[in-house]
């Protein structure tokens, strides 16, 4: 069996092929129940955070990194600024 080492020096040879799913948390909004049920297609929900807010990457609800929103080709991406 070969050893596969990643940039942080950890051996991932046993699990390196396993796919995971990350969630990007960009902010939150507080609404009343009435406001929630009044939402319609095309409405905007204003988040508490500004447009330059830090994005948190979550794996199974646990923060694994933080970063900034960027454009990558025609998709949204995250430039990592801190690892948990």
Foldseek 3Di string as FASTA:
>chain_A
DDFDADPVGDTCPPPPPPDFDKDKDFFDADDDVVVVVPDDPPDDTDGPDDQFGKIFIDGVNHTAFIFGWDQDPNDIDGDTDGGD
